[in-house]
PDB file of N, CA and C in Angstrom:
ATOM      1  N   UNK A   1      88.009   2.918  45.600  1.00  0.00           N
ATOM      2  CA  UNK A   1      88.127   1.511  45.355  1.00  0.00           C
ATOM      3  C   UNK A   1      89.432   0.921  45.887  1.00  0.00           C
ATOM      4  N   UNK A   2      90.436   1.732  46.088  1.00  0.00           N
ATOM      5  CA  UNK A   2      91.725   1.246  46.565  1.00  0.00           C
ATOM      6  C   UNK A   2      91.594   0.662  47.970  1.00  0.00           C
ATOM      7  N   UNK A   3      90.747   1.228  48.803  1.00  0.00           N
ATOM      8  CA  UNK A   3      90.593   0.741  50.174  1.00  0.00           C
ATOM      9  C   UNK A   3      90.046  -0.682  50.199  1.00  0.00           C
ATOM     10  N   UNK A   4      89.306  -1.112  49.187  1.00  0.00           N
ATOM     11  CA  UNK A   4      88.815  -2.490  49.128  1.00  0.00           C
ATOM     12  C   UNK A   4      89.956  -3.484  48.943  1.00  0.00           C
ATOM     13  N   UNK A   5      90.985  -3.095  48.234  1.00  0.00           N
ATOM     14  CA  UNK A   5      92.109  -3.979  47.992  1.00  0.00           C
ATOM     15  C   UNK A   5      92.932  -4.197  49.260  1.00  0.00           C
ATOM     16  N   UNK A   6      92.914  -3.232  50.152  1.00  0.00           N
ATOM     17  CA  UNK A   6      93.701  -3.333  51.367  1.00  0.00           C
ATOM     18  C   UNK A   6      93.012  -4.137  52.470  1.00  0.00           C
ATOM     19  N   UNK A   7      91.713  -4.378  52.348  1.00  0.00           N
ATOM     20  CA  UNK A   7      90.999  -5.129  53.371  1.00  0.00           C
ATOM     21  C   UNK A   7      91.390  -6.605  53.305  1.00  0.00           C
ATOM     22  N   UNK A   8      91.580  -7.192  54.470  1.00  0.00           N
ATOM     23  CA  UNK A   8      91.890  -8.614  54.511  1.00  0.00           C
ATOM     24  C   UNK A   8      90.607  -9.400  54.261  1.00  0.00           C
ATOM     25  N   UNK A   9      90.730 -10.373  53.420  1.00  0.00           N
ATOM     26  CA  UNK A   9      89.582 -11.211  53.128  1.00  0.00           C
ATOM     27  C   UNK A   9      89.598 -12.421  54.040  1.00  0.00           C
ATOM     28  N   UNK A  10      88.425 -12.811  54.496  1.00  0.00           N
ATOM     29  CA  UNK A  10      88.304 -13.987  55.336  1.00  0.00           C
ATOM     30  C   UNK A  10      88.492 -15.222  54.460  1.00  0.00           C
ATOM     31  N   UNK A  11      89.295 -16.159  54.947  1.00  0.00           N
ATOM     32  CA  UNK A  11      89.517 -17.379  54.194  1.00  0.00           C
ATOM     33  C   UNK A  11      88.232 -18.212  54.202  1.00  0.00           C
ATOM     34  N   UNK A  12      87.861 -18.761  53.082  1.00  0.00           N
ATOM     35  CA  UNK A  12      86.635 -19.560  53.032  1.00  0.00           C
ATOM     36  C   UNK A  12      86.795 -20.870  53.794  1.00  0.00           C
ATOM     37  N   UNK A  13      85.673 -21.398  54.315  1.00  0.00           N
ATOM     38  CA  UNK A  13      85.683 -22.665  55.038  1.00  0.00           C
ATOM     39  C   UNK A  13      85.711 -23.853  54.093  1.00  0.00           C
ATOM     40  N   UNK A  14      85.531 -23.585  52.806  1.00  0.00           N
ATOM     41  CA  UNK A  14      85.507 -24.671  51.841  1.00  0.00           C
ATOM     42  C   UNK A  14      86.513 -24.409  50.741  1.00  0.00           C
ATOM     43  N   UNK A  15      86.956 -25.477  50.105  1.00  0.00           N
ATOM     44  CA  UNK A  15      87.895 -25.386  49.003  1.00  0.00           C
ATOM     45  C   UNK A  15      87.130 -25.013  47.735  1.00  0.00           C
ATOM     46  N   UNK A  16      87.831 -24.719  46.650  1.00  0.00           N
ATOM     47  CA  UNK A  16      87.136 -24.384  45.408  1.00  0.00           C
ATOM     48  C   UNK A  16      86.195 -25.478  44.910  1.00  0.00           C
ATOM     49  N   UNK A  17      86.452 -26.739  45.258  1.00  0.00           N
ATOM     50  CA  UNK A  17      85.583 -27.841  44.838  1.00  0.00           C
ATOM     51  C   UNK A  17      84.421 -28.048  45.794  1.00  0.00           C
ATOM     52  N   UNK A  18      84.212 -27.109  46.707  1.00  0.00           N
ATOM     53  CA  UNK A  18      83.127 -27.157  47.689  1.00  0.00           C
ATOM     54  C   UNK A  18      83.277 -28.309  48.685  1.00  0.00           C
ATOM     55  N   UNK A  19      84.520 -28.720  48.946  1.00  0.00           N
ATOM     56  CA  UNK A  19      84.811 -29.749  49.928  1.00  0.00           C
ATOM     57  C   UNK A  19      85.259 -29.052  51.205  1.00  0.00           C
ATOM     58  N   UNK A  20      84.647 -29.378  52.355  1.00  0.00           N
ATOM     59  CA  UNK A  20      85.078 -28.735  53.604  1.00  0.00           C
ATOM     60  C   UNK A  20      86.578 -28.936  53.840  1.00  0.00           C
ATOM     61  N   UNK A  21      87.246 -27.896  54.334  1.00  0.00           N
ATOM     62  CA  UNK A  21      88.685 -27.967  54.557  1.00  0.00           C
ATOM     63  C   UNK A  21      89.062 -29.103  55.506  1.00  0.00           C
ATOM     64  N   UNK A  22      88.231 -29.371  56.496  1.00  0.00           N
ATOM     65  CA  UNK A  22      88.535 -30.430  57.462  1.00  0.00           C
ATOM     66  C   UNK A  22      88.704 -31.772  56.758  1.00  0.00           C
ATOM     67  N   UNK A  23      87.957 -32.018  55.692  1.00  0.00           N
ATOM     68  CA  UNK A  23      88.072 -33.273  54.963  1.00  0.00           C
ATOM     69  C   UNK A  23      89.353 -33.351  54.149  1.00  0.00           C
ATOM     70  N   UNK A  24      89.950 -32.224  53.877  1.00  0.00           N
ATOM     71  CA  UNK A  24      91.167 -32.198  53.088  1.00  0.00           C
ATOM     72  C   UNK A  24      92.394 -32.483  53.949  1.00  0.00           C
ATOM     73  N   UNK A  25      92.268 -32.478  55.246  1.00  0.00           N
ATOM     74  CA  UNK A  25      93.417 -32.626  56.126  1.00  0.00           C
ATOM     75  C   UNK A  25      93.838 -34.072  56.323  1.00  0.00           C
ATOM     76  N   UNK A  26      93.056 -35.035  55.874  1.00  0.00           N
ATOM     77  CA  UNK A  26      93.481 -36.418  55.912  1.00  0.00           C
ATOM     78  C   UNK A  26      92.951 -37.263  57.046  1.00  0.00           C
ATOM     79  N   UNK A  27      92.012 -36.780  57.820  1.00  0.00           N
ATOM     80  CA  UNK A  27      91.435 -37.584  58.893  1.00  0.00           C
ATOM     81  C   UNK A  27      89.951 -37.801  58.638  1.00  0.00           C
ATOM     82  N   UNK A  28      89.475 -38.980  59.037  1.00  0.00           N
ATOM     83  CA  UNK A  28      88.076 -39.329  58.834  1.00  0.00           C
ATOM     84  C   UNK A  28      87.160 -38.511  59.749  1.00  0.00           C
ATOM     85  N   UNK A  29      85.901 -38.438  59.354  1.00  0.00           N
ATOM     86  CA  UNK A  29      84.864 -37.769  60.123  1.00  0.00           C
ATOM     87  C   UNK A  29      83.846 -38.819  60.552  1.00  0.00           C
ATOM     88  N   UNK A  30      83.344 -38.710  61.764  1.00  0.00           N
ATOM     89  CA  UNK A  30      82.333 -39.636  62.269  1.00  0.00           C
ATOM     90  C   UNK A  30      81.052 -39.479  61.461  1.00  0.00           C
ATOM     91  N   UNK A  31      80.494 -40.600  60.983  1.00  0.00           N
ATOM     92  CA  UNK A  31      79.287 -40.543  60.164  1.00  0.00           C
ATOM     93  C   UNK A  31      78.036 -40.270  60.995  1.00  0.00           C
ATOM     94  N   UNK A  32      78.134 -40.386  62.312  1.00  0.00           N
ATOM     95  CA  UNK A  32      76.979 -40.154  63.179  1.00  0.00           C
ATOM     96  C   UNK A  32      76.927 -38.699  63.654  1.00  0.00           C
ATOM     97  N   UNK A  33      78.012 -38.225  64.256  1.00  0.00           N
ATOM     98  CA  UNK A  33      77.990 -36.884  64.859  1.00  0.00           C
ATOM     99  C   UNK A  33      78.747 -35.832  64.051  1.00  0.00           C
ATOM    100  N   UNK A  34      79.579 -36.246  63.102  1.00  0.00           N
ATOM    101  CA  UNK A  34      80.300 -35.300  62.259  1.00  0.00           C
ATOM    102  C   UNK A  34      81.612 -34.796  62.823  1.00  0.00           C
ATOM    103  N   UNK A  35      82.029 -35.281  64.004  1.00  0.00           N
ATOM    104  CA  UNK A  35      83.299 -34.852  64.592  1.00  0.00           C
ATOM    105  C   UNK A  35      84.477 -35.526  63.893  1.00  0.00           C
ATOM    106  N   UNK A  36      85.639 -34.873  63.938  1.00  0.00           N
ATOM    107  CA  UNK A  36      86.855 -35.463  63.406  1.00  0.00           C
ATOM    108  C   UNK A  36      87.273 -36.637  64.272  1.00  0.00           C
ATOM    109  N   UNK A  37      87.776 -37.697  63.637  1.00  0.00           N
ATOM    110  CA  UNK A  37      88.303 -38.834  64.378  1.00  0.00           C
ATOM    111  C   UNK A  37      89.822 -38.805  64.296  1.00  0.00           C
ATOM    112  N   UNK A  38      90.463 -39.696  65.022  1.00  0.00           N
ATOM    113  CA  UNK A  38      91.920 -39.795  64.994  1.00  0.00           C
ATOM    114  C   UNK A  38      92.382 -40.776  63.924  1.00  0.00           C
ATOM    115  N   UNK A  39      91.481 -41.195  63.045  1.00  0.00           N
ATOM    116  CA  UNK A  39      91.781 -42.188  62.023  1.00  0.00           C
ATOM    117  C   UNK A  39      92.192 -41.518  60.720  1.00  0.00           C
ATOM    118  N   UNK A  40      93.418 -41.752  60.264  1.00  0.00           N
ATOM    119  CA  UNK A  40      93.833 -41.193  58.970  1.00  0.00           C
ATOM    120  C   UNK A  40      93.039 -41.832  57.829  1.00  0.00           C
ATOM    121  N   UNK A  41      92.749 -41.060  56.803  1.00  0.00           N
ATOM    122  CA  UNK A  41      92.006 -41.587  55.660  1.00  0.00           C
ATOM    123  C   UNK A  41      92.791 -42.655  54.916  1.00  0.00           C
ATOM    124  N   UNK A  42      94.096 -42.654  55.069  1.00  0.00           N
ATOM    125  CA  UNK A  42      94.934 -43.613  54.365  1.00  0.00           C
ATOM    126  C   UNK A  42      95.020 -44.967  55.068  1.00  0.00           C
ATOM    127  N   UNK A  43      94.520 -45.086  56.297  1.00  0.00           N
ATOM    128  CA  UNK A  43      94.583 -46.349  57.038  1.00  0.00           C
ATOM    129  C   UNK A  43      93.613 -47.356  56.408  1.00  0.00           C
ATOM    130  N   UNK A  44      94.081 -48.584  56.148  1.00  0.00           N
ATOM    131  CA  UNK A  44      93.187 -49.606  55.585  1.00  0.00           C
ATOM    132  C   UNK A  44      92.016 -49.915  56.519  1.00  0.00           C
ATOM    133  N   UNK A  45      90.879 -50.269  55.942  1.00  0.00           N
ATOM    134  CA  UNK A  45      89.681 -50.544  56.740  1.00  0.00           C
ATOM    135  C   UNK A  45      89.915 -51.662  57.748  1.00  0.00           C
ATOM    136  N   UNK A  46      90.721 -52.632  57.398  1.00  0.00           N
ATOM    137  CA  UNK A  46      90.977 -53.766  58.291  1.00  0.00           C
ATOM    138  C   UNK A  46      91.772 -53.376  59.535  1.00  0.00           C
ATOM    139  N   UNK A  47      92.405 -52.215  59.529  1.00  0.00           N
ATOM    140  CA  UNK A  47      93.220 -51.768  60.666  1.00  0.00           C
ATOM    141  C   UNK A  47      92.591 -50.613  61.435  1.00  0.00           C
ATOM    142  N   UNK A  48      91.348 -50.277  61.142  1.00  0.00           N
ATOM    143  CA  UNK A  48      90.699 -49.137  61.792  1.00  0.00           C
ATOM    144  C   UNK A  48      89.926 -49.556  63.031  1.00  0.00           C
ATOM    145  N   UNK A  49      90.012 -48.714  64.052  1.00  0.00           N
ATOM    146  CA  UNK A  49      89.155 -48.879  65.226  1.00  0.00           C
ATOM    147  C   UNK A  49      87.856 -48.139  64.962  1.00  0.00           C
ATOM    148  N   UNK A  50      86.759 -48.653  65.496  1.00  0.00           N
ATOM    149  CA  UNK A  50      85.444 -48.005  65.447  1.00  0.00           C
ATOM    150  C   UNK A  50      84.897 -47.869  64.021  1.00  0.00           C
ATOM    151  N   UNK A  51      85.342 -48.746  63.107  1.00  0.00           N
ATOM    152  CA  UNK A  51      84.779 -48.754  61.760  1.00  0.00           C
ATOM    153  C   UNK A  51      83.684 -49.800  61.713  1.00  0.00           C
ATOM    154  N   UNK A  52      82.519 -49.434  61.184  1.00  0.00           N
ATOM    155  CA  UNK A  52      81.389 -50.354  61.086  1.00  0.00           C
ATOM    156  C   UNK A  52      81.103 -50.592  59.607  1.00  0.00           C
ATOM    157  N   UNK A  53      81.223 -51.850  59.188  1.00  0.00           N
ATOM    158  CA  UNK A  53      80.987 -52.188  57.794  1.00  0.00           C
ATOM    159  C   UNK A  53      79.545 -51.877  57.415  1.00  0.00           C
ATOM    160  N   UNK A  54      79.371 -51.225  56.294  1.00  0.00           N
ATOM    161  CA  UNK A  54      78.046 -50.838  55.827  1.00  0.00           C
ATOM    162  C   UNK A  54      77.573 -49.502  56.389  1.00  0.00           C
ATOM    163  N   UNK A  55      78.316 -48.970  57.347  1.00  0.00           N
ATOM    164  CA  UNK A  55      77.957 -47.691  57.963  1.00  0.00           C
ATOM    165  C   UNK A  55      79.069 -46.674  57.735  1.00  0.00           C
ATOM    166  N   UNK A  56      80.272 -47.012  58.167  1.00  0.00           N
ATOM    167  CA  UNK A  56      81.410 -46.119  57.997  1.00  0.00           C
ATOM    168  C   UNK A  56      82.170 -45.913  59.291  1.00  0.00           C
ATOM    169  N   UNK A  57      82.968 -44.860  59.320  1.00  0.00           N
ATOM    170  CA  UNK A  57      83.826 -44.554  60.463  1.00  0.00           C
ATOM    171  C   UNK A  57      83.048 -43.809  61.537  1.00  0.00           C
ATOM    172  N   UNK A  58      83.185 -44.267  62.782  1.00  0.00           N
ATOM    173  CA  UNK A  58      82.573 -43.602  63.920  1.00  0.00           C
ATOM    174  C   UNK A  58      83.655 -43.111  64.858  1.00  0.00           C
ATOM    175  N   UNK A  59      83.335 -42.094  65.650  1.00  0.00           N
ATOM    176  CA  UNK A  59      84.253 -41.674  66.713  1.00  0.00           C
ATOM    177  C   UNK A  59      84.073 -42.642  67.882  1.00  0.00           C
ATOM    178  N   UNK A  60      84.978 -42.597  68.826  1.00  0.00           N
ATOM    179  CA  UNK A  60      84.918 -43.514  69.964  1.00  0.00           C
ATOM    180  C   UNK A  60      83.619 -43.346  70.755  1.00  0.00           C
ATOM    181  N   UNK A  61      83.204 -42.115  70.982  1.00  0.00           N
ATOM    182  CA  UNK A  61      81.997 -41.857  71.766  1.00  0.00           C
ATOM    183  C   UNK A  61      80.743 -42.437  71.133  1.00  0.00           C
ATOM    184  N   UNK A  62      80.576 -42.245  69.837  1.00  0.00           N
ATOM    185  CA  UNK A  62      79.402 -42.785  69.155  1.00  0.00           C
ATOM    186  C   UNK A  62      79.448 -44.308  69.108  1.00  0.00           C
ATOM    187  N   UNK A  63      80.624 -44.874  68.913  1.00  0.00           N
ATOM    188  CA  UNK A  63      80.749 -46.329  68.878  1.00  0.00           C
ATOM    189  C   UNK A  63      80.344 -46.930  70.219  1.00  0.00           C
ATOM    190  N   UNK A  64      80.855 -46.353  71.295  1.00  0.00           N
ATOM    191  CA  UNK A  64      80.529 -46.863  72.643  1.00  0.00           C
ATOM    192  C   UNK A  64      79.030 -46.708  72.916  1.00  0.00           C
ATOM    193  N   UNK A  65      78.465 -45.579  72.543  1.00  0.00           N
ATOM    194  CA  UNK A  65      77.042 -45.330  72.794  1.00  0.00           C
ATOM    195  C   UNK A  65      76.152 -46.288  71.997  1.00  0.00           C
ATOM    196  N   UNK A  66      76.546 -46.608  70.780  1.00  0.00           N
ATOM    197  CA  UNK A  66      75.709 -47.456  69.928  1.00  0.00           C
ATOM    198  C   UNK A  66      75.919 -48.953  70.110  1.00  0.00           C
ATOM    199  N   UNK A  67      77.129 -49.374  70.428  1.00  0.00           N
ATOM    200  CA  UNK A  67      77.429 -50.803  70.418  1.00  0.00           C
ATOM    201  C   UNK A  67      77.819 -51.398  71.746  1.00  0.00           C
ATOM    202  N   UNK A  68      78.059 -50.617  72.770  1.00  0.00           N
ATOM    203  CA  UNK A  68      78.440 -51.198  74.073  1.00  0.00           C
ATOM    204  C   UNK A  68      77.431 -50.865  75.140  1.00  0.00           C
TER     205      UNK A  68
END
């Protein structure tokens, strides 16, 4: 049983609250494709690029594809 203690354990992809680690880092995720955006979660909605009211935060690529 001692050899089990010496094995390195893989870090989980989720926190104890079952929240993906990427969401804990402080940046928004695109609601369409799921990619990380460059928008901090702390930025007010009125100052965000590619934010669609009633939908959420989009990445630049999805915004251009859907609205331009």
